[in-house]
Amino acid sequence: MPKVCEICGKGPIFGQTLSHSHKASKKKWKPNLQRVKAQTTTGARYIWVCTRCLRAGKVTKAI
C-alpha cells in the first residue's frame, strides 16, 4: 500500500513519543488513506486518497 495521498501528497510524519520518564522512542504517524474508484483525466481508476480530500470534495467518484 502506498503511504502518500495521490491528491494532496500527504504522507507519514516522523517524530518521537515521550514516556512519563521522558524517554524518547521513535514513532511514525500514517495518514488515513482509503482506496477509492475515482474519475481522473485518464479515466476511472482506483487511487489512494486521504479522508481529508474525500470530505473536502476534491475527488469525484466514478460509478
N, C-alpha and C. Protein backbone atom coordinates (compact mmCIF):
# COMPACT_ATOMS: atom_id res chain seq x y z
N MET A 1 0.83 -1.18 0.00
CA MET A 1 0.00 0.00 0.00
C MET A 1 0.87 1.24 0.00
N PRO A 2 0.60 2.19 -0.87
CA PRO A 2 1.39 3.42 -0.85
C PRO A 2 1.10 4.22 0.41
N LYS A 3 2.03 5.07 0.77
CA LYS A 3 1.89 5.82 2.01
C LYS A 3 1.62 7.29 1.76
N VAL A 4 1.20 7.63 0.52
CA VAL A 4 1.01 9.03 0.15
C VAL A 4 -0.34 9.20 -0.53
N CYS A 5 -1.04 10.28 -0.21
CA CYS A 5 -2.30 10.62 -0.86
C CYS A 5 -1.99 11.10 -2.28
N GLU A 6 -2.74 10.59 -3.27
CA GLU A 6 -2.48 10.95 -4.66
C GLU A 6 -3.05 12.31 -5.04
N ILE A 7 -3.87 12.91 -4.19
CA ILE A 7 -4.44 14.22 -4.46
C ILE A 7 -3.59 15.33 -3.85
N CYS A 8 -3.36 15.27 -2.54
CA CYS A 8 -2.66 16.36 -1.85
C CYS A 8 -1.21 16.04 -1.52
N GLY A 9 -0.81 14.77 -1.61
CA GLY A 9 0.56 14.40 -1.32
C GLY A 9 0.87 14.21 0.15
N LYS A 10 -0.17 14.12 0.97
CA LYS A 10 0.05 13.93 2.41
C LYS A 10 0.67 12.56 2.66
N GLY A 11 1.75 12.53 3.45
CA GLY A 11 2.46 11.30 3.73
C GLY A 11 2.68 11.12 5.22
N PRO A 12 3.51 10.15 5.60
CA PRO A 12 3.76 9.92 7.01
C PRO A 12 4.56 11.04 7.65
N ILE A 13 4.34 11.22 8.96
CA ILE A 13 5.04 12.23 9.75
C ILE A 13 5.86 11.49 10.79
N PHE A 14 7.11 11.89 10.95
CA PHE A 14 8.01 11.24 11.90
C PHE A 14 8.21 12.13 13.11
N GLY A 15 8.34 11.49 14.27
CA GLY A 15 8.56 12.23 15.50
C GLY A 15 8.95 11.28 16.61
N GLN A 16 8.74 11.75 17.82
CA GLN A 16 9.08 10.95 19.00
C GLN A 16 7.94 10.97 19.98
N THR A 17 7.74 9.83 20.65
CA THR A 17 6.82 9.78 21.77
C THR A 17 7.65 9.87 23.04
N LEU A 18 7.11 10.58 24.02
CA LEU A 18 7.82 10.75 25.28
C LEU A 18 7.07 10.00 26.37
N SER A 19 7.77 9.14 27.08
CA SER A 19 7.17 8.43 28.19
C SER A 19 7.11 9.34 29.41
N HIS A 20 6.56 8.82 30.50
CA HIS A 20 6.47 9.61 31.73
C HIS A 20 7.85 10.01 32.24
N SER A 21 8.84 9.14 32.02
CA SER A 21 10.20 9.45 32.46
C SER A 21 10.98 10.23 31.40
N HIS A 22 10.29 10.69 30.36
CA HIS A 22 10.88 11.44 29.24
C HIS A 22 11.89 10.64 28.44
N LYS A 23 11.69 9.35 28.38
CA LYS A 23 12.50 8.52 27.48
C LYS A 23 11.84 8.58 26.10
N ALA A 24 12.61 9.01 25.10
CA ALA A 24 12.08 9.20 23.76
C ALA A 24 12.21 7.92 22.93
N SER A 25 11.16 7.61 22.20
CA SER A 25 11.21 6.50 21.25
C SER A 25 10.63 6.99 19.93
N LYS A 26 11.19 6.51 18.83
CA LYS A 26 10.78 6.98 17.51
C LYS A 26 9.39 6.47 17.16
N LYS A 27 8.64 7.32 16.45
CA LYS A 27 7.28 6.98 16.08
C LYS A 27 6.97 7.53 14.69
N LYS A 28 6.06 6.85 13.98
CA LYS A 28 5.64 7.30 12.66
C LYS A 28 4.12 7.36 12.63
N TRP A 29 3.56 8.51 12.29
CA TRP A 29 2.13 8.68 12.15
C TRP A 29 1.77 8.60 10.68
N LYS A 30 0.87 7.69 10.34
CA LYS A 30 0.48 7.48 8.94
C LYS A 30 -0.85 8.17 8.66
N PRO A 31 -1.04 8.69 7.44
CA PRO A 31 -2.32 9.29 7.09
C PRO A 31 -3.41 8.23 6.91
N ASN A 32 -4.65 8.64 7.08
CA ASN A 32 -5.78 7.73 6.92
C ASN A 32 -6.12 7.68 5.43
N LEU A 33 -5.59 6.68 4.73
CA LEU A 33 -5.79 6.55 3.30
C LEU A 33 -6.88 5.52 3.00
N GLN A 34 -7.71 5.85 2.00
CA GLN A 34 -8.77 4.97 1.55
C GLN A 34 -8.61 4.72 0.06
N ARG A 35 -8.90 3.51 -0.37
CA ARG A 35 -8.82 3.17 -1.79
C ARG A 35 -10.18 3.46 -2.42
N VAL A 36 -10.19 4.40 -3.38
CA VAL A 36 -11.43 4.89 -3.95
C VAL A 36 -11.37 4.79 -5.47
N LYS A 37 -12.48 4.38 -6.08
CA LYS A 37 -12.58 4.40 -7.53
C LYS A 37 -12.99 5.82 -7.93
N ALA A 38 -12.07 6.54 -8.54
CA ALA A 38 -12.28 7.95 -8.84
C ALA A 38 -12.14 8.22 -10.32
N GLN A 39 -12.78 9.30 -10.76
CA GLN A 39 -12.67 9.75 -12.14
C GLN A 39 -11.44 10.64 -12.27
N THR A 40 -10.50 10.25 -13.13
CA THR A 40 -9.29 11.03 -13.36
C THR A 40 -9.25 11.48 -14.82
N THR A 41 -8.20 12.17 -15.19
CA THR A 41 -8.07 12.64 -16.57
C THR A 41 -7.88 11.49 -17.54
N THR A 42 -7.31 10.39 -17.05
CA THR A 42 -7.09 9.22 -17.92
C THR A 42 -8.26 8.25 -17.89
N GLY A 43 -9.28 8.53 -17.08
CA GLY A 43 -10.43 7.65 -16.95
C GLY A 43 -10.65 7.24 -15.51
N ALA A 44 -11.55 6.29 -15.32
CA ALA A 44 -11.85 5.82 -13.96
C ALA A 44 -10.81 4.81 -13.53
N ARG A 45 -10.26 5.02 -12.32
CA ARG A 45 -9.29 4.07 -11.77
C ARG A 45 -9.28 4.17 -10.26
N TYR A 46 -8.70 3.17 -9.63
CA TYR A 46 -8.59 3.16 -8.18
C TYR A 46 -7.36 3.95 -7.75
N ILE A 47 -7.55 4.85 -6.78
CA ILE A 47 -6.44 5.64 -6.26
C ILE A 47 -6.53 5.66 -4.73
N TRP A 48 -5.41 5.94 -4.10
CA TRP A 48 -5.34 6.08 -2.64
C TRP A 48 -5.51 7.55 -2.29
N VAL A 49 -6.53 7.86 -1.48
CA VAL A 49 -6.87 9.24 -1.14
C VAL A 49 -7.04 9.33 0.37
N CYS A 50 -6.56 10.43 0.96
CA CYS A 50 -6.75 10.63 2.39
C CYS A 50 -8.19 11.08 2.65
N THR A 51 -8.65 10.87 3.87
CA THR A 51 -10.03 11.18 4.20
C THR A 51 -10.30 12.68 4.19
N ARG A 52 -9.29 13.51 4.39
CA ARG A 52 -9.48 14.96 4.31
C ARG A 52 -9.88 15.37 2.90
N CYS A 53 -9.25 14.78 1.89
CA CYS A 53 -9.59 15.10 0.49
C CYS A 53 -10.98 14.57 0.15
N LEU A 54 -11.35 13.41 0.68
CA LEU A 54 -12.68 12.89 0.43
C LEU A 54 -13.75 13.79 1.02
N ARG A 55 -13.55 14.24 2.26
CA ARG A 55 -14.53 15.09 2.93
C ARG A 55 -14.61 16.46 2.28
N ALA A 56 -13.49 16.95 1.75
CA ALA A 56 -13.46 18.28 1.14
C ALA A 56 -14.05 18.28 -0.26
N GLY A 57 -14.30 17.10 -0.83
CA GLY A 57 -14.89 17.02 -2.15
C GLY A 57 -13.90 17.21 -3.27
N LYS A 58 -12.62 16.94 -3.02
CA LYS A 58 -11.60 17.08 -4.04
C LYS A 58 -11.56 15.90 -4.99
N VAL A 59 -12.35 14.85 -4.70
CA VAL A 59 -12.34 13.64 -5.51
C VAL A 59 -13.74 13.45 -6.08
N THR A 60 -13.83 13.19 -7.37
CA THR A 60 -15.10 12.84 -7.99
C THR A 60 -15.12 11.33 -8.16
N LYS A 61 -16.03 10.68 -7.47
CA LYS A 61 -16.10 9.22 -7.51
C LYS A 61 -16.67 8.76 -8.83
N ALA A 62 -16.15 7.66 -9.34
CA ALA A 62 -16.63 7.05 -10.57
C ALA A 62 -17.70 6.03 -10.25
N ILE A 63 -18.59 5.82 -11.18
CA ILE A 63 -19.67 4.86 -10.98
C ILE A 63 -19.23 3.48 -11.41
